[in-house]
Amino acid sequence: MLNSIFKDKALNALTPEKKKLFRRQYSKAIFLNTLREHGGVLSSAEVAKEIGKSKVTVKTRKDNNKLLALNLDGEFFYPVFQFVKRKKIRIVVS
C-alpha cells in the first residue's frame, strides 16, 4: 500500500523534465495557432499541386532552402504565407 502511494506521487510529480516538456508543448501550440491565423500550412503534396511541380521538386527546393518547411513530428509542412501571390505596391508621395 505504501509503495503504491509513493509510486503514484512519483508519477504525478512535476519534475524539471516534465515542466520543460509542458513548456515546449505550450509554445508549439501557440506557434501552430499563429500559423493557423496566417493561413495555415500545406503538405508536400499540396505544395506540389499549388506550384504545379512534383513532390521531388518540392523536397529539392526545401533542401536548397528555397522553401520554408517546418518539421512537425517527423513530417514537413510548408507555411501558406510563402505562396501568396505578390501584388505590386504603389507608393504615393504627397
N, C-alpha and C. Protein backbone atom coordinates (compact mmCIF):
# COMPACT_ATOMS: atom_id res chain seq x y z
N MET A 1 0.82 -1.20 0.00
CA MET A 1 0.00 0.00 0.00
C MET A 1 0.86 1.26 0.00
N LEU A 2 1.87 1.29 0.88
CA LEU A 2 2.75 2.44 0.97
C LEU A 2 3.55 2.61 -0.32
N ASN A 3 4.01 1.49 -0.90
CA ASN A 3 4.71 1.56 -2.18
C ASN A 3 3.84 2.17 -3.27
N SER A 4 2.57 1.80 -3.27
CA SER A 4 1.63 2.33 -4.26
C SER A 4 1.47 3.83 -4.11
N ILE A 5 1.41 4.33 -2.89
CA ILE A 5 1.27 5.77 -2.65
C ILE A 5 2.50 6.52 -3.15
N PHE A 6 3.69 6.00 -2.83
CA PHE A 6 4.93 6.65 -3.28
C PHE A 6 5.06 6.60 -4.80
N LYS A 7 4.66 5.48 -5.38
CA LYS A 7 4.73 5.33 -6.82
C LYS A 7 3.80 6.34 -7.50
N ASP A 8 2.57 6.47 -7.00
CA ASP A 8 1.63 7.44 -7.57
C ASP A 8 2.16 8.86 -7.43
N LYS A 9 2.74 9.17 -6.27
CA LYS A 9 3.28 10.50 -6.03
C LYS A 9 4.44 10.79 -6.98
N ALA A 10 5.30 9.79 -7.19
CA ALA A 10 6.45 9.97 -8.09
C ALA A 10 5.99 10.17 -9.53
N LEU A 11 4.97 9.42 -9.95
CA LEU A 11 4.48 9.53 -11.33
C LEU A 11 3.79 10.87 -11.57
N ASN A 12 3.16 11.42 -10.55
CA ASN A 12 2.42 12.67 -10.71
C ASN A 12 3.24 13.91 -10.36
N ALA A 13 4.47 13.73 -9.91
CA ALA A 13 5.31 14.86 -9.53
C ALA A 13 5.68 15.68 -10.77
N LEU A 14 5.70 16.99 -10.60
CA LEU A 14 6.07 17.88 -11.70
C LEU A 14 7.58 18.10 -11.65
N THR A 15 8.30 17.23 -12.35
CA THR A 15 9.77 17.27 -12.37
C THR A 15 10.24 18.35 -13.33
N PRO A 16 11.51 18.74 -13.25
CA PRO A 16 12.04 19.73 -14.22
C PRO A 16 11.86 19.26 -15.67
N GLU A 17 11.99 17.95 -15.90
CA GLU A 17 11.83 17.42 -17.26
C GLU A 17 10.38 17.58 -17.73
N LYS A 18 9.42 17.31 -16.83
CA LYS A 18 8.01 17.47 -17.20
C LYS A 18 7.67 18.94 -17.42
N LYS A 19 8.22 19.82 -16.61
CA LYS A 19 8.00 21.26 -16.79
C LYS A 19 8.51 21.70 -18.16
N LYS A 20 9.69 21.21 -18.54
CA LYS A 20 10.28 21.55 -19.84
C LYS A 20 9.39 21.03 -20.97
N LEU A 21 8.90 19.81 -20.83
CA LEU A 21 8.02 19.22 -21.83
C LEU A 21 6.73 20.02 -21.97
N PHE A 22 6.14 20.41 -20.85
CA PHE A 22 4.91 21.21 -20.88
C PHE A 22 5.14 22.56 -21.54
N ARG A 23 6.29 23.20 -21.24
CA ARG A 23 6.61 24.49 -21.87
C ARG A 23 6.75 24.33 -23.37
N ARG A 24 7.40 23.26 -23.81
CA ARG A 24 7.56 23.02 -25.25
C ARG A 24 6.21 22.79 -25.92
N GLN A 25 5.35 22.00 -25.28
CA GLN A 25 4.03 21.74 -25.85
C GLN A 25 3.21 23.02 -25.92
N TYR A 26 3.28 23.84 -24.89
CA TYR A 26 2.56 25.10 -24.86
C TYR A 26 3.06 26.04 -25.96
N SER A 27 4.38 26.16 -26.08
CA SER A 27 4.97 27.02 -27.11
C SER A 27 4.62 26.54 -28.50
N LYS A 28 4.64 25.23 -28.70
CA LYS A 28 4.30 24.66 -30.00
C LYS A 28 2.85 24.96 -30.35
N ALA A 29 1.96 24.86 -29.37
CA ALA A 29 0.54 25.15 -29.60
C ALA A 29 0.34 26.61 -29.99
N ILE A 30 1.04 27.52 -29.31
CA ILE A 30 0.95 28.95 -29.64
C ILE A 30 1.47 29.20 -31.05
N PHE A 31 2.60 28.58 -31.39
CA PHE A 31 3.20 28.75 -32.71
C PHE A 31 2.26 28.25 -33.81
N LEU A 32 1.69 27.06 -33.61
CA LEU A 32 0.79 26.50 -34.61
C LEU A 32 -0.49 27.33 -34.74
N ASN A 33 -0.95 27.89 -33.64
CA ASN A 33 -2.12 28.76 -33.70
C ASN A 33 -1.81 30.03 -34.49
N THR A 34 -0.62 30.58 -34.31
CA THR A 34 -0.20 31.76 -35.06
C THR A 34 -0.13 31.43 -36.56
N LEU A 35 0.41 30.26 -36.89
CA LEU A 35 0.44 29.85 -38.30
C LEU A 35 -0.96 29.72 -38.86
N ARG A 36 -1.86 29.14 -38.07
CA ARG A 36 -3.25 28.97 -38.49
C ARG A 36 -3.89 30.33 -38.79
N GLU A 37 -3.60 31.31 -37.95
CA GLU A 37 -4.15 32.66 -38.14
C GLU A 37 -3.64 33.31 -39.42
N HIS A 38 -2.49 32.87 -39.91
CA HIS A 38 -1.89 33.45 -41.11
C HIS A 38 -2.00 32.52 -42.31
N GLY A 39 -3.00 31.67 -42.30
CA GLY A 39 -3.29 30.84 -43.46
C GLY A 39 -3.04 29.36 -43.28
N GLY A 40 -2.33 28.97 -42.25
CA GLY A 40 -2.08 27.56 -42.01
C GLY A 40 -0.85 27.04 -42.73
N VAL A 41 -0.84 25.74 -42.94
CA VAL A 41 0.29 25.07 -43.59
C VAL A 41 -0.23 24.11 -44.66
N LEU A 42 0.66 23.76 -45.56
CA LEU A 42 0.35 22.80 -46.62
C LEU A 42 1.29 21.61 -46.51
N SER A 43 0.80 20.45 -46.92
CA SER A 43 1.66 19.26 -47.00
C SER A 43 2.50 19.35 -48.27
N SER A 44 3.45 18.44 -48.42
CA SER A 44 4.29 18.42 -49.62
C SER A 44 3.45 18.23 -50.88
N ALA A 45 2.47 17.34 -50.80
CA ALA A 45 1.60 17.08 -51.96
C ALA A 45 0.78 18.32 -52.31
N GLU A 46 0.29 19.02 -51.30
CA GLU A 46 -0.49 20.24 -51.54
C GLU A 46 0.38 21.34 -52.15
N VAL A 47 1.62 21.45 -51.69
CA VAL A 47 2.55 22.44 -52.25
C VAL A 47 2.83 22.11 -53.72
N ALA A 48 3.09 20.83 -53.99
CA ALA A 48 3.37 20.40 -55.37
C ALA A 48 2.22 20.80 -56.30
N LYS A 49 1.00 20.56 -55.84
CA LYS A 49 -0.18 20.93 -56.64
C LYS A 49 -0.29 22.44 -56.79
N GLU A 50 -0.04 23.16 -55.70
CA GLU A 50 -0.15 24.64 -55.70
C GLU A 50 0.83 25.28 -56.69
N ILE A 51 2.07 24.77 -56.72
CA ILE A 51 3.08 25.39 -57.59
C ILE A 51 3.22 24.69 -58.94
N GLY A 52 2.47 23.61 -59.12
CA GLY A 52 2.50 22.90 -60.40
C GLY A 52 3.79 22.14 -60.64
N LYS A 53 4.38 21.63 -59.58
CA LYS A 53 5.63 20.85 -59.69
C LYS A 53 5.45 19.51 -58.98
N SER A 54 6.47 18.65 -59.06
CA SER A 54 6.40 17.35 -58.40
C SER A 54 6.79 17.46 -56.92
N LYS A 55 6.47 16.41 -56.16
CA LYS A 55 6.87 16.38 -54.76
C LYS A 55 8.39 16.33 -54.63
N VAL A 56 9.06 15.73 -55.60
CA VAL A 56 10.52 15.69 -55.60
C VAL A 56 11.08 17.10 -55.73
N THR A 57 10.48 17.89 -56.59
CA THR A 57 10.90 19.29 -56.76
C THR A 57 10.68 20.07 -55.47
N VAL A 58 9.55 19.82 -54.81
CA VAL A 58 9.27 20.49 -53.53
C VAL A 58 10.35 20.14 -52.52
N LYS A 59 10.69 18.85 -52.43
CA LYS A 59 11.73 18.41 -51.49
C LYS A 59 13.07 19.05 -51.82
N THR A 60 13.41 19.10 -53.11
CA THR A 60 14.67 19.71 -53.54
C THR A 60 14.72 21.19 -53.16
N ARG A 61 13.62 21.89 -53.39
CA ARG A 61 13.56 23.32 -53.03
C ARG A 61 13.67 23.50 -51.52
N LYS A 62 13.06 22.59 -50.76
CA LYS A 62 13.17 22.65 -49.30
C LYS A 62 14.62 22.42 -48.89
N ASP A 63 15.24 21.40 -49.45
CA ASP A 63 16.63 21.06 -49.11
C ASP A 63 17.60 22.17 -49.48
N ASN A 64 17.27 22.92 -50.55
CA ASN A 64 18.12 24.03 -51.00
C ASN A 64 17.71 25.37 -50.38
N ASN A 65 16.86 25.30 -49.36
CA ASN A 65 16.40 26.49 -48.63
C ASN A 65 15.67 27.49 -49.53
N LYS A 66 14.99 26.99 -50.53
CA LYS A 66 14.17 27.85 -51.39
C LYS A 66 12.72 27.89 -50.90
N LEU A 67 12.35 26.91 -50.07
CA LEU A 67 11.04 26.87 -49.45
C LEU A 67 11.22 26.71 -47.95
N LEU A 68 10.41 27.41 -47.19
CA LEU A 68 10.42 27.27 -45.74
C LEU A 68 9.57 26.07 -45.37
N ALA A 69 10.17 25.12 -44.67
CA ALA A 69 9.45 23.93 -44.24
C ALA A 69 9.64 23.73 -42.75
N LEU A 70 8.58 23.27 -42.10
CA LEU A 70 8.61 23.02 -40.67
C LEU A 70 8.48 21.52 -40.44
N ASN A 71 9.40 20.98 -39.67
CA ASN A 71 9.34 19.56 -39.33
C ASN A 71 8.49 19.44 -38.08
N LEU A 72 7.25 18.99 -38.26
CA LEU A 72 6.33 18.83 -37.14
C LEU A 72 6.08 17.35 -36.91
N ASP A 73 6.67 16.85 -35.86
CA ASP A 73 6.52 15.44 -35.50
C ASP A 73 6.94 14.50 -36.64
N GLY A 74 8.03 14.85 -37.31
CA GLY A 74 8.59 13.97 -38.34
C GLY A 74 8.03 14.16 -39.73
N GLU A 75 7.11 15.10 -39.90
CA GLU A 75 6.53 15.36 -41.22
C GLU A 75 6.74 16.84 -41.55
N PHE A 76 7.06 17.13 -42.81
CA PHE A 76 7.30 18.51 -43.21
C PHE A 76 6.02 19.19 -43.66
N PHE A 77 5.85 20.42 -43.19
CA PHE A 77 4.72 21.25 -43.59
C PHE A 77 5.27 22.61 -44.00
N TYR A 78 4.55 23.24 -44.92
CA TYR A 78 5.01 24.49 -45.53
C TYR A 78 4.00 25.60 -45.22
N PRO A 79 4.44 26.67 -44.53
CA PRO A 79 3.53 27.77 -44.24
C PRO A 79 2.95 28.37 -45.52
N VAL A 80 1.64 28.60 -45.50
CA VAL A 80 0.93 29.10 -46.67
C VAL A 80 1.39 30.50 -47.08
N PHE A 81 1.78 31.31 -46.09
CA PHE A 81 2.10 32.71 -46.41
C PHE A 81 3.19 32.86 -47.46
N GLN A 82 4.02 31.84 -47.66
CA GLN A 82 5.07 31.97 -48.67
C GLN A 82 4.56 31.72 -50.09
N PHE A 83 3.30 31.33 -50.22
CA PHE A 83 2.73 31.06 -51.55
C PHE A 83 1.72 32.11 -51.98
N VAL A 84 1.58 33.16 -51.20
CA VAL A 84 0.65 34.23 -51.53
C VAL A 84 1.18 34.98 -52.74
N LYS A 85 0.31 35.19 -53.69
CA LYS A 85 0.72 35.92 -54.90
C LYS A 85 1.08 37.34 -54.53
N ARG A 86 2.21 37.79 -55.01
CA ARG A 86 2.67 39.14 -54.70
C ARG A 86 1.97 40.15 -55.60
N LYS A 87 1.56 41.24 -54.99
CA LYS A 87 0.96 42.34 -55.74
C LYS A 87 1.93 43.50 -55.72
N LYS A 88 1.91 44.27 -56.80
CA LYS A 88 2.74 45.47 -56.82
C LYS A 88 2.13 46.51 -55.89
N ILE A 89 2.98 47.14 -55.14
CA ILE A 89 2.53 48.18 -54.22
C ILE A 89 2.85 49.53 -54.84
N ARG A 90 1.82 50.35 -54.94
CA ARG A 90 2.01 51.68 -55.49
C ARG A 90 2.31 52.64 -54.35
N ILE A 91 3.44 53.31 -54.44
CA ILE A 91 3.82 54.27 -53.41
C ILE A 91 3.37 55.65 -53.83
N VAL A 92 2.63 56.29 -52.94
CA VAL A 92 2.13 57.63 -53.21
C VAL A 92 2.82 58.59 -52.25
N VAL A 93 3.46 59.59 -52.82
CA VAL A 93 4.13 60.60 -52.01
C VAL A 93 3.33 61.88 -52.11
N SER A 94 2.99 62.46 -50.95
CA SER A 94 2.22 63.70 -51.01
C SER A 94 3.09 64.91 -50.82
